[in-house]
Amino acid sequence: MYPEGENRMNKGELVDAVASKAEVTKKEADAVLSAAIDSIMEAVAAGEKVTLVGFGSFEPRQRAARDGRNPQTGQTIQIPATTVPAFSAGKQFKEMVAE
């Protein structure tokens, strides 16, 4: 299903892992995980930075307006400025992945 050597974890698998580590039911783990994700998205959408020490930071970033090209016609188009969500991994997370 995935390209060779590529591993992925979906939300259901993450819920299973959290339930196992926290020794709670899958239903409880799903509720807590969903609430945490929703809270992070709401805070970033409101312009706040969310920092989870060791894991990383979520924040809104401004993307400036720029020129682009329509790939079908080659015509130059103006891409408007926008705000996008961004994630920066924390030191502990970076070190764990590098091992």
PDB file of N, CA and C in Angstrom:
ATOM      1  N   MET A   1       0.821  -1.197   0.000  1.00  0.00           N
ATOM      2  CA  MET A   1       0.000   0.000   0.000  1.00  0.00           C
ATOM      3  C   MET A   1       0.867   1.264   0.000  1.00  0.00           C
ATOM      4  N   TYR A   2       1.876   1.301   0.892  1.00  0.00           N
ATOM      5  CA  TYR A   2       2.782   2.442   0.937  1.00  0.00           C
ATOM      6  C   TYR A   2       4.055   2.076   0.189  1.00  0.00           C
ATOM      7  N   PRO A   3       4.768   3.089  -0.316  1.00  0.00           N
ATOM      8  CA  PRO A   3       6.045   2.787  -0.971  1.00  0.00           C
ATOM      9  C   PRO A   3       6.966   2.022  -0.018  1.00  0.00           C
ATOM     10  N   GLU A   4       7.803   1.174  -0.577  1.00  0.00           N
ATOM     11  CA  GLU A   4       8.691   0.347   0.237  1.00  0.00           C
ATOM     12  C   GLU A   4       9.529   1.205   1.187  1.00  0.00           C
ATOM     13  N   GLY A   5       9.575   0.787   2.436  1.00  0.00           N
ATOM     14  CA  GLY A   5      10.380   1.493   3.434  1.00  0.00           C
ATOM     15  C   GLY A   5       9.655   2.653   4.092  1.00  0.00           C
ATOM     16  N   GLU A   6       8.434   2.954   3.641  1.00  0.00           N
ATOM     17  CA  GLU A   6       7.707   4.092   4.218  1.00  0.00           C
ATOM     18  C   GLU A   6       6.688   3.591   5.229  1.00  0.00           C
ATOM     19  N   ASN A   7       6.815   4.045   6.459  1.00  0.00           N
ATOM     20  CA  ASN A   7       5.893   3.659   7.518  1.00  0.00           C
ATOM     21  C   ASN A   7       5.006   4.835   7.865  1.00  0.00           C
ATOM     22  N   ARG A   8       3.754   4.556   8.156  1.00  0.00           N
ATOM     23  CA  ARG A   8       2.806   5.594   8.533  1.00  0.00           C
ATOM     24  C   ARG A   8       1.973   5.112   9.702  1.00  0.00           C
ATOM     25  N   MET A   9       1.495   6.061  10.496  1.00  0.00           N
ATOM     26  CA  MET A   9       0.573   5.752  11.580  1.00  0.00           C
ATOM     27  C   MET A   9      -0.644   6.636  11.386  1.00  0.00           C
ATOM     28  N   ASN A  10      -1.825   6.034  11.311  1.00  0.00           N
ATOM     29  CA  ASN A  10      -3.036   6.840  11.183  1.00  0.00           C
ATOM     30  C   ASN A  10      -3.589   7.153  12.571  1.00  0.00           C
ATOM     31  N   LYS A  11      -4.674   7.923  12.620  1.00  0.00           N
ATOM     32  CA  LYS A  11      -5.210   8.351  13.911  1.00  0.00           C
ATOM     33  C   LYS A  11      -5.663   7.155  14.747  1.00  0.00           C
ATOM     34  N   GLY A  12      -6.292   6.162  14.118  1.00  0.00           N
ATOM     35  CA  GLY A  12      -6.740   4.987  14.857  1.00  0.00           C
ATOM     36  C   GLY A  12      -5.593   4.257  15.517  1.00  0.00           C
ATOM     37  N   GLU A  13      -4.480   4.127  14.801  1.00  0.00           N
ATOM     38  CA  GLU A  13      -3.302   3.471  15.361  1.00  0.00           C
ATOM     39  C   GLU A  13      -2.688   4.311  16.486  1.00  0.00           C
ATOM     40  N   LEU A  14      -2.727   5.625  16.334  1.00  0.00           N
ATOM     41  CA  LEU A  14      -2.228   6.507  17.391  1.00  0.00           C
ATOM     42  C   LEU A  14      -3.103   6.388  18.629  1.00  0.00           C
ATOM     43  N   VAL A  15      -4.415   6.341  18.442  1.00  0.00           N
ATOM     44  CA  VAL A  15      -5.333   6.167  19.571  1.00  0.00           C
ATOM     45  C   VAL A  15      -5.022   4.854  20.289  1.00  0.00           C
ATOM     46  N   ASP A  16      -4.793   3.782  19.526  1.00  0.00           N
ATOM     47  CA  ASP A  16      -4.446   2.493  20.137  1.00  0.00           C
ATOM     48  C   ASP A  16      -3.164   2.597  20.967  1.00  0.00           C
ATOM     49  N   ALA A  17      -2.151   3.269  20.430  1.00  0.00           N
ATOM     50  CA  ALA A  17      -0.874   3.422  21.122  1.00  0.00           C
ATOM     51  C   ALA A  17      -1.030   4.247  22.399  1.00  0.00           C
ATOM     52  N   VAL A  18      -1.799   5.338  22.311  1.00  0.00           N
ATOM     53  CA  VAL A  18      -2.017   6.191  23.478  1.00  0.00           C
ATOM     54  C   VAL A  18      -2.797   5.420  24.549  1.00  0.00           C
ATOM     55  N   ALA A  19      -3.825   4.695  24.144  1.00  0.00           N
ATOM     56  CA  ALA A  19      -4.627   3.921  25.090  1.00  0.00           C
ATOM     57  C   ALA A  19      -3.754   2.901  25.817  1.00  0.00           C
ATOM     58  N   SER A  20      -2.866   2.260  25.077  1.00  0.00           N
ATOM     59  CA  SER A  20      -1.980   1.261  25.668  1.00  0.00           C
ATOM     60  C   SER A  20      -0.996   1.897  26.651  1.00  0.00           C
ATOM     61  N   LYS A  21      -0.347   2.988  26.243  1.00  0.00           N
ATOM     62  CA  LYS A  21       0.653   3.642  27.107  1.00  0.00           C
ATOM     63  C   LYS A  21       0.023   4.266  28.348  1.00  0.00           C
ATOM     64  N   ALA A  22      -1.151   4.881  28.186  1.00  0.00           N
ATOM     65  CA  ALA A  22      -1.800   5.567  29.301  1.00  0.00           C
ATOM     66  C   ALA A  22      -2.698   4.631  30.119  1.00  0.00           C
ATOM     67  N   GLU A  23      -2.831   3.396  29.636  1.00  0.00           N
ATOM     68  CA  GLU A  23      -3.675   2.406  30.307  1.00  0.00           C
ATOM     69  C   GLU A  23      -5.100   2.918  30.509  1.00  0.00           C
ATOM     70  N   VAL A  24      -5.679   3.433  29.411  1.00  0.00           N
ATOM     71  CA  VAL A  24      -7.062   3.890  29.385  1.00  0.00           C
ATOM     72  C   VAL A  24      -7.756   3.191  28.215  1.00  0.00           C
ATOM     73  N   THR A  25      -9.066   3.342  28.129  1.00  0.00           N
ATOM     74  CA  THR A  25      -9.790   2.716  27.029  1.00  0.00           C
ATOM     75  C   THR A  25      -9.507   3.468  25.727  1.00  0.00           C
ATOM     76  N   LYS A  26      -9.751   2.795  24.617  1.00  0.00           N
ATOM     77  CA  LYS A  26      -9.570   3.442  23.315  1.00  0.00           C
ATOM     78  C   LYS A  26     -10.520   4.622  23.174  1.00  0.00           C
ATOM     79  N   LYS A  27     -11.725   4.491  23.719  1.00  0.00           N
ATOM     80  CA  LYS A  27     -12.707   5.579  23.651  1.00  0.00           C
ATOM     81  C   LYS A  27     -12.194   6.808  24.399  1.00  0.00           C
ATOM     82  N   GLU A  28     -11.625   6.587  25.578  1.00  0.00           N
ATOM     83  CA  GLU A  28     -11.080   7.707  26.363  1.00  0.00           C
ATOM     84  C   GLU A  28      -9.875   8.325  25.651  1.00  0.00           C
ATOM     85  N   ALA A  29      -9.003   7.490  25.125  1.00  0.00           N
ATOM     86  CA  ALA A  29      -7.819   7.991  24.417  1.00  0.00           C
ATOM     87  C   ALA A  29      -8.229   8.797  23.189  1.00  0.00           C
ATOM     88  N   ASP A  30      -9.235   8.317  22.451  1.00  0.00           N
ATOM     89  CA  ASP A  30      -9.720   9.034  21.270  1.00  0.00           C
ATOM     90  C   ASP A  30     -10.289  10.386  21.656  1.00  0.00           C
ATOM     91  N   ALA A  31     -11.064  10.448  22.740  1.00  0.00           N
ATOM     92  CA  ALA A  31     -11.663  11.710  23.189  1.00  0.00           C
ATOM     93  C   ALA A  31     -10.579  12.722  23.569  1.00  0.00           C
ATOM     94  N   VAL A  32      -9.575  12.258  24.297  1.00  0.00           N
ATOM     95  CA  VAL A  32      -8.502  13.162  24.734  1.00  0.00           C
ATOM     96  C   VAL A  32      -7.653  13.619  23.548  1.00  0.00           C
ATOM     97  N   LEU A  33      -7.286  12.693  22.671  1.00  0.00           N
ATOM     98  CA  LEU A  33      -6.483  13.040  21.505  1.00  0.00           C
ATOM     99  C   LEU A  33      -7.234  14.018  20.601  1.00  0.00           C
ATOM    100  N   SER A  34      -8.522  13.749  20.356  1.00  0.00           N
ATOM    101  CA  SER A  34      -9.333  14.640  19.514  1.00  0.00           C
ATOM    102  C   SER A  34      -9.444  16.028  20.143  1.00  0.00           C
ATOM    103  N   ALA A  35      -9.649  16.084  21.456  1.00  0.00           N
ATOM    104  CA  ALA A  35      -9.747  17.373  22.150  1.00  0.00           C
ATOM    105  C   ALA A  35      -8.426  18.137  22.072  1.00  0.00           C
ATOM    106  N   ALA A  36      -7.299  17.441  22.208  1.00  0.00           N
ATOM    107  CA  ALA A  36      -5.992  18.094  22.134  1.00  0.00           C
ATOM    108  C   ALA A  36      -5.754  18.661  20.733  1.00  0.00           C
ATOM    109  N   ILE A  37      -6.045  17.865  19.714  1.00  0.00           N
ATOM    110  CA  ILE A  37      -5.850  18.322  18.331  1.00  0.00           C
ATOM    111  C   ILE A  37      -6.752  19.514  18.034  1.00  0.00           C
ATOM    112  N   ASP A  38      -8.029  19.419  18.434  1.00  0.00           N
ATOM    113  CA  ASP A  38      -8.961  20.531  18.206  1.00  0.00           C
ATOM    114  C   ASP A  38      -8.494  21.798  18.906  1.00  0.00           C
ATOM    115  N   SER A  39      -8.004  21.666  20.143  1.00  0.00           N
ATOM    116  CA  SER A  39      -7.538  22.834  20.903  1.00  0.00           C
ATOM    117  C   SER A  39      -6.328  23.481  20.240  1.00  0.00           C
ATOM    118  N   ILE A  40      -5.407  22.674  19.736  1.00  0.00           N
ATOM    119  CA  ILE A  40      -4.232  23.211  19.034  1.00  0.00           C
ATOM    120  C   ILE A  40      -4.668  23.942  17.766  1.00  0.00           C
ATOM    121  N   MET A  41      -5.559  23.328  16.988  1.00  0.00           N
ATOM    122  CA  MET A  41      -6.016  23.968  15.746  1.00  0.00           C
ATOM    123  C   MET A  41      -6.743  25.276  16.029  1.00  0.00           C
ATOM    124  N   GLU A  42      -7.592  25.296  17.049  1.00  0.00           N
ATOM    125  CA  GLU A  42      -8.315  26.519  17.399  1.00  0.00           C
ATOM    126  C   GLU A  42      -7.362  27.627  17.839  1.00  0.00           C
ATOM    127  N   ALA A  43      -6.367  27.288  18.643  1.00  0.00           N
ATOM    128  CA  ALA A  43      -5.412  28.292  19.128  1.00  0.00           C
ATOM    129  C   ALA A  43      -4.595  28.867  17.971  1.00  0.00           C
ATOM    130  N   VAL A  44      -4.094  28.010  17.089  1.00  0.00           N
ATOM    131  CA  VAL A  44      -3.287  28.483  15.957  1.00  0.00           C
ATOM    132  C   VAL A  44      -4.156  29.310  15.010  1.00  0.00           C
ATOM    133  N   ALA A  45      -5.397  28.887  14.788  1.00  0.00           N
ATOM    134  CA  ALA A  45      -6.313  29.643  13.926  1.00  0.00           C
ATOM    135  C   ALA A  45      -6.599  31.027  14.505  1.00  0.00           C
ATOM    136  N   ALA A  46      -6.543  31.139  15.840  1.00  0.00           N
ATOM    137  CA  ALA A  46      -6.768  32.424  16.507  1.00  0.00           C
ATOM    138  C   ALA A  46      -5.497  33.273  16.569  1.00  0.00           C
ATOM    139  N   GLY A  47      -4.400  32.780  15.981  1.00  0.00           N
ATOM    140  CA  GLY A  47      -3.167  33.553  15.934  1.00  0.00           C
ATOM    141  C   GLY A  47      -2.193  33.260  17.058  1.00  0.00           C
ATOM    142  N   GLU A  48      -2.462  32.253  17.860  1.00  0.00           N
ATOM    143  CA  GLU A  48      -1.592  31.925  18.989  1.00  0.00           C
ATOM    144  C   GLU A  48      -0.537  30.886  18.592  1.00  0.00           C
ATOM    145  N   LYS A  49       0.551  30.878  19.349  1.00  0.00           N
ATOM    146  CA  LYS A  49       1.586  29.860  19.199  1.00  0.00           C
ATOM    147  C   LYS A  49       1.386  28.850  20.321  1.00  0.00           C
ATOM    148  N   VAL A  50       1.413  27.562  19.992  1.00  0.00           N
ATOM    149  CA  VAL A  50       1.259  26.495  20.978  1.00  0.00           C
ATOM    150  C   VAL A  50       2.593  25.761  21.074  1.00  0.00           C
ATOM    151  N   THR A  51       3.188  25.752  22.266  1.00  0.00           N
ATOM    152  CA  THR A  51       4.479  25.103  22.468  1.00  0.00           C
ATOM    153  C   THR A  51       4.319  23.929  23.419  1.00  0.00           C
ATOM    154  N   LEU A  52       4.766  22.768  22.969  1.00  0.00           N
ATOM    155  CA  LEU A  52       4.799  21.561  23.794  1.00  0.00           C
ATOM    156  C   LEU A  52       6.277  21.243  23.980  1.00  0.00           C
ATOM    157  N   VAL A  53       6.817  21.582  25.151  1.00  0.00           N
ATOM    158  CA  VAL A  53       8.242  21.476  25.413  1.00  0.00           C
ATOM    159  C   VAL A  53       8.731  20.056  25.106  1.00  0.00           C
ATOM    160  N   GLY A  54       9.803  19.983  24.340  1.00  0.00           N
ATOM    161  CA  GLY A  54      10.381  18.713  23.944  1.00  0.00           C
ATOM    162  C   GLY A  54       9.809  18.176  22.642  1.00  0.00           C
ATOM    163  N   PHE A  55       8.518  18.458  22.377  1.00  0.00           N
ATOM    164  CA  PHE A  55       7.870  17.968  21.168  1.00  0.00           C
ATOM    165  C   PHE A  55       7.996  18.973  20.034  1.00  0.00           C
ATOM    166  N   GLY A  56       7.525  20.204  20.262  1.00  0.00           N
ATOM    167  CA  GLY A  56       7.625  21.218  19.217  1.00  0.00           C
ATOM    168  C   GLY A  56       6.607  22.319  19.389  1.00  0.00           C
ATOM    169  N   SER A  57       6.552  23.190  18.392  1.00  0.00           N
ATOM    170  CA  SER A  57       5.663  24.350  18.421  1.00  0.00           C
ATOM    171  C   SER A  57       4.820  24.405  17.162  1.00  0.00           C
ATOM    172  N   PHE A  58       3.566  24.781  17.349  1.00  0.00           N
ATOM    173  CA  PHE A  58       2.641  25.030  16.252  1.00  0.00           C
ATOM    174  C   PHE A  58       2.375  26.525  16.248  1.00  0.00           C
ATOM    175  N   GLU A  59       2.402  27.150  15.072  1.00  0.00           N
ATOM    176  CA  GLU A  59       2.149  28.585  15.004  1.00  0.00           C
ATOM    177  C   GLU A  59       1.645  28.980  13.623  1.00  0.00           C
ATOM    178  N   PRO A  60       0.927  30.110  13.568  1.00  0.00           N
ATOM    179  CA  PRO A  60       0.530  30.623  12.261  1.00  0.00           C
ATOM    180  C   PRO A  60       1.699  31.405  11.658  1.00  0.00           C
ATOM    181  N   ARG A  61       1.913  31.267  10.370  1.00  0.00           N
ATOM    182  CA  ARG A  61       2.970  32.024   9.688  1.00  0.00           C
ATOM    183  C   ARG A  61       2.374  32.746   8.492  1.00  0.00           C
ATOM    184  N   GLN A  62       2.885  33.948   8.271  1.00  0.00           N
ATOM    185  CA  GLN A  62       2.428  34.759   7.145  1.00  0.00           C
ATOM    186  C   GLN A  62       3.191  34.366   5.890  1.00  0.00           C
ATOM    187  N   ARG A  63       2.485  34.131   4.814  1.00  0.00           N
ATOM    188  CA  ARG A  63       3.105  33.853   3.529  1.00  0.00           C
ATOM    189  C   ARG A  63       2.822  35.063   2.639  1.00  0.00           C
ATOM    190  N   ALA A  64       3.866  35.705   2.150  1.00  0.00           N
ATOM    191  CA  ALA A  64       3.731  36.920   1.355  1.00  0.00           C
ATOM    192  C   ALA A  64       3.096  36.632   0.003  1.00  0.00           C
ATOM    193  N   ALA A  65       2.496  37.658  -0.573  1.00  0.00           N
ATOM    194  CA  ALA A  65       1.954  37.545  -1.930  1.00  0.00           C
ATOM    195  C   ALA A  65       3.121  37.314  -2.890  1.00  0.00           C
ATOM    196  N   ARG A  66       2.857  36.579  -3.956  1.00  0.00           N
ATOM    197  CA  ARG A  66       3.927  36.307  -4.911  1.00  0.00           C
ATOM    198  C   ARG A  66       3.337  36.014  -6.284  1.00  0.00           C
ATOM    199  N   ASP A  67       4.209  36.065  -7.277  1.00  0.00           N
ATOM    200  CA  ASP A  67       3.798  35.720  -8.629  1.00  0.00           C
ATOM    201  C   ASP A  67       3.940  34.225  -8.833  1.00  0.00           C
ATOM    202  N   GLY A  68       3.002  33.654  -9.559  1.00  0.00           N
ATOM    203  CA  GLY A  68       3.057  32.242  -9.895  1.00  0.00           C
ATOM    204  C   GLY A  68       2.700  32.065 -11.351  1.00  0.00           C
ATOM    205  N   ARG A  69       2.665  30.846 -11.808  1.00  0.00           N
ATOM    206  CA  ARG A  69       2.301  30.554 -13.199  1.00  0.00           C
ATOM    207  C   ARG A  69       1.208  29.506 -13.241  1.00  0.00           C
ATOM    208  N   ASN A  70       0.253  29.725 -14.131  1.00  0.00           N
ATOM    209  CA  ASN A  70      -0.758  28.718 -14.400  1.00  0.00           C
ATOM    210  C   ASN A  70      -0.067  27.641 -15.226  1.00  0.00           C
ATOM    211  N   PRO A  71       0.032  26.403 -14.728  1.00  0.00           N
ATOM    212  CA  PRO A  71       0.775  25.373 -15.453  1.00  0.00           C
ATOM    213  C   PRO A  71       0.148  24.996 -16.801  1.00  0.00           C
ATOM    214  N   GLN A  72      -1.151  25.231 -16.965  1.00  0.00           N
ATOM    215  CA  GLN A  72      -1.803  24.871 -18.223  1.00  0.00           C
ATOM    216  C   GLN A  72      -1.555  25.905 -19.316  1.00  0.00           C
ATOM    217  N   THR A  73      -1.544  27.188 -18.924  1.00  0.00           N
ATOM    218  CA  THR A  73      -1.414  28.241 -19.930  1.00  0.00           C
ATOM    219  C   THR A  73      -0.068  28.946 -19.904  1.00  0.00           C
ATOM    220  N   GLY A  74       0.659  28.814 -18.789  1.00  0.00           N
ATOM    221  CA  GLY A  74       1.919  29.528 -18.644  1.00  0.00           C
ATOM    222  C   GLY A  74       1.718  30.984 -18.259  1.00  0.00           C
ATOM    223  N   GLN A  75       0.471  31.396 -18.110  1.00  0.00           N
ATOM    224  CA  GLN A  75       0.148  32.780 -17.769  1.00  0.00           C
ATOM    225  C   GLN A  75       0.575  33.088 -16.334  1.00  0.00           C
ATOM    226  N   THR A  76       1.139  34.285 -16.119  1.00  0.00           N
ATOM    227  CA  THR A  76       1.529  34.727 -14.784  1.00  0.00           C
ATOM    228  C   THR A  76       0.274  35.104 -14.010  1.00  0.00           C
ATOM    229  N   ILE A  77       0.210  34.630 -12.763  1.00  0.00           N
ATOM    230  CA  ILE A  77      -0.916  34.969 -11.896  1.00  0.00           C
ATOM    231  C   ILE A  77      -0.375  35.481 -10.568  1.00  0.00           C
ATOM    232  N   GLN A  78      -1.189  36.259  -9.884  1.00  0.00           N
ATOM    233  CA  GLN A  78      -0.819  36.784  -8.581  1.00  0.00           C
ATOM    234  C   GLN A  78      -1.389  35.862  -7.512  1.00  0.00           C
ATOM    235  N   ILE A  79      -0.522  35.299  -6.674  1.00  0.00           N
ATOM    236  CA  ILE A  79      -0.955  34.456  -5.559  1.00  0.00           C
ATOM    237  C   ILE A  79      -1.031  35.363  -4.335  1.00  0.00           C
ATOM    238  N   PRO A  80      -2.212  35.482  -3.721  1.00  0.00           N
ATOM    239  CA  PRO A  80      -2.369  36.423  -2.611  1.00  0.00           C
ATOM    240  C   PRO A  80      -1.637  35.982  -1.344  1.00  0.00           C
ATOM    241  N   ALA A  81      -1.383  36.943  -0.467  1.00  0.00           N
ATOM    242  CA  ALA A  81      -0.784  36.654   0.838  1.00  0.00           C
ATOM    243  C   ALA A  81      -1.774  35.815   1.638  1.00  0.00           C
ATOM    244  N   THR A  82      -1.258  34.972   2.492  1.00  0.00           N
ATOM    245  CA  THR A  82      -2.121  34.128   3.306  1.00  0.00           C
ATOM    246  C   THR A  82      -1.409  33.747   4.600  1.00  0.00           C
ATOM    247  N   THR A  83      -2.161  33.211   5.522  1.00  0.00           N
ATOM    248  CA  THR A  83      -1.603  32.699   6.775  1.00  0.00           C
ATOM    249  C   THR A  83      -1.712  31.175   6.730  1.00  0.00           C
ATOM    250  N   VAL A  84      -0.621  30.494   7.059  1.00  0.00           N
ATOM    251  CA  VAL A  84      -0.597  29.030   7.016  1.00  0.00           C
ATOM    252  C   VAL A  84      -0.133  28.484   8.371  1.00  0.00           C
ATOM    253  N   PRO A  85      -0.568  27.277   8.729  1.00  0.00           N
ATOM    254  CA  PRO A  85      -0.073  26.675   9.960  1.00  0.00           C
ATOM    255  C   PRO A  85       1.334  26.128   9.745  1.00  0.00           C
ATOM    256  N   ALA A  86       2.157  26.182  10.795  1.00  0.00           N
ATOM    257  CA  ALA A  86       3.523  25.674  10.691  1.00  0.00           C
ATOM    258  C   ALA A  86       3.874  24.925  11.974  1.00  0.00           C
ATOM    259  N   PHE A  87       4.735  23.919  11.827  1.00  0.00           N
ATOM    260  CA  PHE A  87       5.208  23.138  12.968  1.00  0.00           C
ATOM    261  C   PHE A  87       6.722  23.157  12.978  1.00  0.00           C
ATOM    262  N   SER A  88       7.306  23.392  14.142  1.00  0.00           N
ATOM    263  CA  SER A  88       8.756  23.318  14.323  1.00  0.00           C
ATOM    264  C   SER A  88       9.025  22.277  15.391  1.00  0.00           C
ATOM    265  N   ALA A  89       9.786  21.245  15.048  1.00  0.00           N
ATOM    266  CA  ALA A  89      10.091  20.181  16.002  1.00  0.00           C
ATOM    267  C   ALA A  89      10.997  20.696  17.115  1.00  0.00           C
ATOM    268  N   GLY A  90      10.766  20.207  18.326  1.00  0.00           N
ATOM    269  CA  GLY A  90      11.585  20.563  19.479  1.00  0.00           C
ATOM    270  C   GLY A  90      12.873  19.765  19.503  1.00  0.00           C
ATOM    271  N   LYS A  91      13.793  20.192  20.336  1.00  0.00           N
ATOM    272  CA  LYS A  91      15.116  19.569  20.421  1.00  0.00           C
ATOM    273  C   LYS A  91      15.037  18.081  20.745  1.00  0.00           C
ATOM    274  N   GLN A  92      14.249  17.723  21.743  1.00  0.00           N
ATOM    275  CA  GLN A  92      14.143  16.323  22.161  1.00  0.00           C
ATOM    276  C   GLN A  92      13.574  15.462  21.028  1.00  0.00           C
ATOM    277  N   PHE A  93      12.572  15.967  20.308  1.00  0.00           N
ATOM    278  CA  PHE A  93      11.961  15.251  19.194  1.00  0.00           C
ATOM    279  C   PHE A  93      12.985  15.064  18.063  1.00  0.00           C
ATOM    280  N   LYS A  94      13.715  16.119  17.756  1.00  0.00           N
ATOM    281  CA  LYS A  94      14.745  16.045  16.701  1.00  0.00           C
ATOM    282  C   LYS A  94      15.804  15.006  17.051  1.00  0.00           C
ATOM    283  N   GLU A  95      16.238  15.018  18.306  1.00  0.00           N
ATOM    284  CA  GLU A  95      17.272  14.068  18.738  1.00  0.00           C
ATOM    285  C   GLU A  95      16.767  12.633  18.673  1.00  0.00           C
ATOM    286  N   MET A  96      15.510  12.409  19.050  1.00  0.00           N
ATOM    287  CA  MET A  96      14.943  11.055  19.035  1.00  0.00           C
ATOM    288  C   MET A  96      14.845  10.533  17.602  1.00  0.00           C
ATOM    289  N   VAL A  97      14.456  11.381  16.676  1.00  0.00           N
ATOM    290  CA  VAL A  97      14.332  10.978  15.268  1.00  0.00           C
ATOM    291  C   VAL A  97      15.708  10.716  14.662  1.00  0.00           C
ATOM    292  N   ALA A  98      16.708  11.497  15.063  1.00  0.00           N
ATOM    293  CA  ALA A  98      18.056  11.362  14.502  1.00  0.00           C
ATOM    294  C   ALA A  98      18.744  10.079  14.944  1.00  0.00           C
ATOM    295  N   GLU A  99      18.316   9.492  16.061  1.00  0.00           N
ATOM    296  CA  GLU A  99      18.970   8.266  16.570  1.00  0.00           C
ATOM    297  C   GLU A  99      18.701   7.076  15.686  1.00  0.00           C
TER     298      GLU A  99
END
